[in-house]
Structures are given as structure tokens and as C-alpha cells.
N, C-alpha and C. Protein backbone atom coordinates (compact mmCIF):
# COMPACT_ATOMS: atom_id res chain seq x y z
N MET A 1 100.90 -236.00 18.84
CA MET A 1 100.20 -236.55 17.71
C MET A 1 99.15 -235.56 17.24
N CYS A 2 99.03 -235.40 15.95
CA CYS A 2 98.04 -234.49 15.36
C CYS A 2 96.92 -235.31 14.75
N LEU A 3 95.73 -234.75 14.78
CA LEU A 3 94.58 -235.45 14.27
C LEU A 3 93.76 -234.51 13.39
N ALA A 4 93.40 -234.96 12.22
CA ALA A 4 92.48 -234.20 11.37
C ALA A 4 91.07 -234.70 11.66
N VAL A 5 90.12 -233.77 11.68
CA VAL A 5 88.75 -234.08 12.07
C VAL A 5 87.80 -233.60 10.99
N PRO A 6 86.81 -234.41 10.61
CA PRO A 6 85.83 -233.97 9.63
C PRO A 6 84.80 -233.04 10.27
N LEU A 7 84.49 -231.95 9.58
CA LEU A 7 83.46 -231.01 10.03
C LEU A 7 82.52 -230.72 8.87
N LYS A 8 81.27 -230.41 9.22
CA LYS A 8 80.29 -229.98 8.23
C LYS A 8 80.28 -228.45 8.23
N ILE A 9 80.39 -227.85 7.06
CA ILE A 9 80.41 -226.40 6.95
C ILE A 9 79.01 -225.85 7.20
N VAL A 10 78.94 -224.90 8.14
CA VAL A 10 77.68 -224.26 8.49
C VAL A 10 77.54 -222.91 7.79
N SER A 11 78.64 -222.15 7.73
CA SER A 11 78.60 -220.85 7.06
C SER A 11 79.99 -220.54 6.52
N VAL A 12 80.02 -219.68 5.50
CA VAL A 12 81.28 -219.28 4.87
C VAL A 12 81.31 -217.76 4.77
N ASP A 13 82.45 -217.18 5.13
CA ASP A 13 82.67 -215.74 5.02
C ASP A 13 84.07 -215.51 4.49
N GLY A 14 84.20 -215.41 3.17
CA GLY A 14 85.50 -215.24 2.55
C GLY A 14 86.36 -216.49 2.73
N LYS A 15 87.52 -216.33 3.35
CA LYS A 15 88.44 -217.44 3.58
C LYS A 15 88.23 -218.10 4.94
N ARG A 16 87.18 -217.69 5.65
CA ARG A 16 86.85 -218.29 6.94
C ARG A 16 85.49 -218.97 6.84
N ALA A 17 85.33 -220.00 7.64
CA ALA A 17 84.06 -220.71 7.68
C ALA A 17 83.83 -221.22 9.10
N VAL A 18 82.60 -221.56 9.38
CA VAL A 18 82.28 -222.22 10.63
C VAL A 18 81.89 -223.65 10.28
N GLY A 19 82.56 -224.59 10.95
CA GLY A 19 82.26 -226.00 10.76
C GLY A 19 81.78 -226.60 12.07
N GLU A 20 81.00 -227.67 11.99
CA GLU A 20 80.51 -228.30 13.21
C GLU A 20 80.53 -229.81 13.10
N ALA A 21 80.68 -230.43 14.26
CA ALA A 21 80.59 -231.89 14.40
C ALA A 21 80.24 -232.17 15.86
N ALA A 22 79.37 -233.11 16.07
CA ALA A 22 78.98 -233.54 17.41
C ALA A 22 78.51 -232.38 18.27
N GLY A 23 77.84 -231.40 17.66
CA GLY A 23 77.30 -230.28 18.42
C GLY A 23 78.29 -229.19 18.76
N LEU A 24 79.54 -229.34 18.36
CA LEU A 24 80.56 -228.33 18.62
C LEU A 24 80.90 -227.62 17.32
N SER A 25 81.11 -226.31 17.40
CA SER A 25 81.46 -225.57 16.19
C SER A 25 82.82 -224.92 16.35
N GLN A 26 83.47 -224.67 15.21
CA GLN A 26 84.80 -224.10 15.18
C GLN A 26 84.93 -223.23 13.95
N THR A 27 85.58 -222.07 14.12
CA THR A 27 85.92 -221.24 12.98
C THR A 27 87.20 -221.78 12.37
N ILE A 28 87.17 -221.98 11.07
CA ILE A 28 88.32 -222.56 10.37
C ILE A 28 88.66 -221.71 9.14
N ARG A 29 89.84 -221.94 8.59
CA ARG A 29 90.25 -221.31 7.33
C ARG A 29 89.96 -222.29 6.20
N VAL A 30 89.52 -221.74 5.07
CA VAL A 30 89.18 -222.59 3.91
C VAL A 30 89.96 -222.17 2.66
N ASP A 31 91.15 -221.60 2.87
CA ASP A 31 91.99 -221.12 1.77
C ASP A 31 92.26 -222.18 0.71
N PHE A 32 92.40 -223.44 1.11
CA PHE A 32 92.82 -224.50 0.21
C PHE A 32 91.67 -225.21 -0.51
N ILE A 33 90.44 -224.86 -0.17
CA ILE A 33 89.28 -225.55 -0.74
C ILE A 33 88.48 -224.57 -1.60
N PRO A 34 88.54 -224.69 -2.92
CA PRO A 34 87.78 -223.77 -3.78
C PRO A 34 86.28 -224.09 -3.73
N ASP A 35 85.49 -223.06 -3.87
CA ASP A 35 84.03 -223.20 -4.00
C ASP A 35 83.38 -223.93 -2.82
N ILE A 36 83.85 -223.67 -1.61
CA ILE A 36 83.27 -224.30 -0.42
C ILE A 36 81.89 -223.69 -0.16
N GLN A 37 80.93 -224.52 0.21
CA GLN A 37 79.56 -224.08 0.45
C GLN A 37 79.04 -224.67 1.75
N PRO A 38 78.09 -223.98 2.42
CA PRO A 38 77.44 -224.59 3.58
C PRO A 38 76.86 -225.95 3.20
N GLY A 39 77.03 -226.90 4.07
CA GLY A 39 76.57 -228.27 3.80
C GLY A 39 77.68 -229.19 3.34
N ASP A 40 78.80 -228.62 2.86
CA ASP A 40 79.95 -229.43 2.46
C ASP A 40 80.64 -229.99 3.70
N TYR A 41 81.31 -231.10 3.52
CA TYR A 41 82.12 -231.71 4.59
C TYR A 41 83.58 -231.56 4.23
N VAL A 42 84.39 -231.21 5.23
CA VAL A 42 85.82 -231.04 5.01
C VAL A 42 86.60 -231.71 6.14
N MET A 43 87.83 -232.11 5.82
CA MET A 43 88.77 -232.61 6.82
C MET A 43 89.56 -231.40 7.31
N VAL A 44 89.62 -231.21 8.63
CA VAL A 44 90.27 -230.03 9.21
C VAL A 44 91.47 -230.46 10.03
N HIS A 45 92.59 -229.79 9.77
CA HIS A 45 93.83 -230.03 10.52
C HIS A 45 94.42 -228.69 10.89
N ALA A 46 94.70 -228.49 12.17
CA ALA A 46 95.33 -227.26 12.67
C ALA A 46 94.55 -226.01 12.25
N GLY A 47 93.23 -226.13 12.20
CA GLY A 47 92.39 -224.97 11.88
C GLY A 47 92.19 -224.69 10.41
N PHE A 48 92.74 -225.54 9.54
CA PHE A 48 92.61 -225.38 8.10
C PHE A 48 91.86 -226.55 7.49
N ALA A 49 90.90 -226.27 6.62
CA ALA A 49 90.26 -227.32 5.83
C ALA A 49 91.28 -227.77 4.78
N ILE A 50 91.60 -229.06 4.78
CA ILE A 50 92.65 -229.54 3.89
C ILE A 50 92.12 -230.45 2.78
N GLN A 51 90.86 -230.89 2.90
CA GLN A 51 90.31 -231.79 1.89
C GLN A 51 88.80 -231.78 2.00
N LYS A 52 88.13 -231.82 0.86
CA LYS A 52 86.68 -231.96 0.83
C LYS A 52 86.34 -233.44 0.93
N LEU A 53 85.27 -233.77 1.66
CA LEU A 53 84.83 -235.14 1.85
C LEU A 53 83.37 -235.29 1.42
N THR A 54 82.99 -236.52 1.11
CA THR A 54 81.57 -236.79 0.94
C THR A 54 80.97 -236.96 2.34
N GLN A 55 79.66 -236.90 2.43
CA GLN A 55 79.00 -237.10 3.71
C GLN A 55 79.34 -238.48 4.27
N GLN A 56 79.36 -239.49 3.42
CA GLN A 56 79.67 -240.85 3.85
C GLN A 56 81.09 -240.93 4.42
N GLN A 57 82.06 -240.32 3.74
CA GLN A 57 83.43 -240.33 4.23
C GLN A 57 83.53 -239.65 5.60
N ALA A 58 82.85 -238.51 5.75
CA ALA A 58 82.87 -237.79 7.02
C ALA A 58 82.26 -238.63 8.13
N GLU A 59 81.12 -239.25 7.86
CA GLU A 59 80.46 -240.07 8.88
C GLU A 59 81.31 -241.27 9.27
N GLU A 60 81.98 -241.90 8.31
CA GLU A 60 82.85 -243.02 8.62
C GLU A 60 84.03 -242.58 9.49
N ASN A 61 84.61 -241.42 9.17
CA ASN A 61 85.73 -240.90 9.97
C ASN A 61 85.27 -240.58 11.39
N LEU A 62 84.12 -239.93 11.52
CA LEU A 62 83.62 -239.59 12.85
C LEU A 62 83.30 -240.84 13.66
N ALA A 63 82.79 -241.87 13.00
CA ALA A 63 82.51 -243.13 13.69
C ALA A 63 83.79 -243.77 14.20
N CYS A 64 84.85 -243.72 13.42
CA CYS A 64 86.15 -244.26 13.86
C CYS A 64 86.70 -243.49 15.05
N ILE A 65 86.57 -242.17 15.01
CA ILE A 65 87.03 -241.35 16.13
C ILE A 65 86.24 -241.70 17.39
N GLN A 66 84.91 -241.82 17.25
CA GLN A 66 84.08 -242.17 18.40
C GLN A 66 84.43 -243.54 18.94
N GLU A 67 84.72 -244.48 18.06
CA GLU A 67 85.11 -245.83 18.48
C GLU A 67 86.40 -245.77 19.32
N ALA A 68 87.35 -244.97 18.89
CA ALA A 68 88.61 -244.83 19.64
C ALA A 68 88.35 -244.19 21.01
N ILE A 69 87.48 -243.19 21.06
CA ILE A 69 87.15 -242.55 22.34
C ILE A 69 86.48 -243.55 23.26
N ASP A 70 85.53 -244.32 22.73
CA ASP A 70 84.82 -245.30 23.54
C ASP A 70 85.75 -246.40 24.07
N ALA A 71 86.80 -246.69 23.33
CA ALA A 71 87.74 -247.74 23.75
C ALA A 71 88.59 -247.29 24.95
N LEU A 72 88.69 -245.99 25.15
CA LEU A 72 89.46 -245.48 26.28
C LEU A 72 88.70 -245.74 27.54
């Protein structure tokens, strides 16, 4: 099963960016998202940002993921 995870963009360098969530950071590709800026939220799948999100959307997604983890 594959899971897309919302990350907040911390820095951008060309087609690469660093995103973070829950204190963890990851280098990702942002080829598919035009005009990405630090502070933006994106949905990441397989190391690629695939969709821009609002902060509210990202927080709701992260809360759902945390709820699933807590249920285990």
C-alpha cells in the first residue's frame, strides 16, 4: 500500500525542496508544482510533491494519519 503524506516546504533549490512534518524532514522533488515557496504545504508521494494543499487541508490529513497510528 502506498501513502501520500502532507509536508510543509522548508526550502527550495530548483526542482528539489526540503519538506517537514512532525519534526522529520525529507528532500523531495517539486517538478509538478509551479511556483513552490517555503511555507507552502504539499502532498508527497514516492518522493514527489503531487499537489499543493492549504494549511488546513494538510493539518486535517496529518490528524487522520495520527489517528490511524494511534489506533494501532
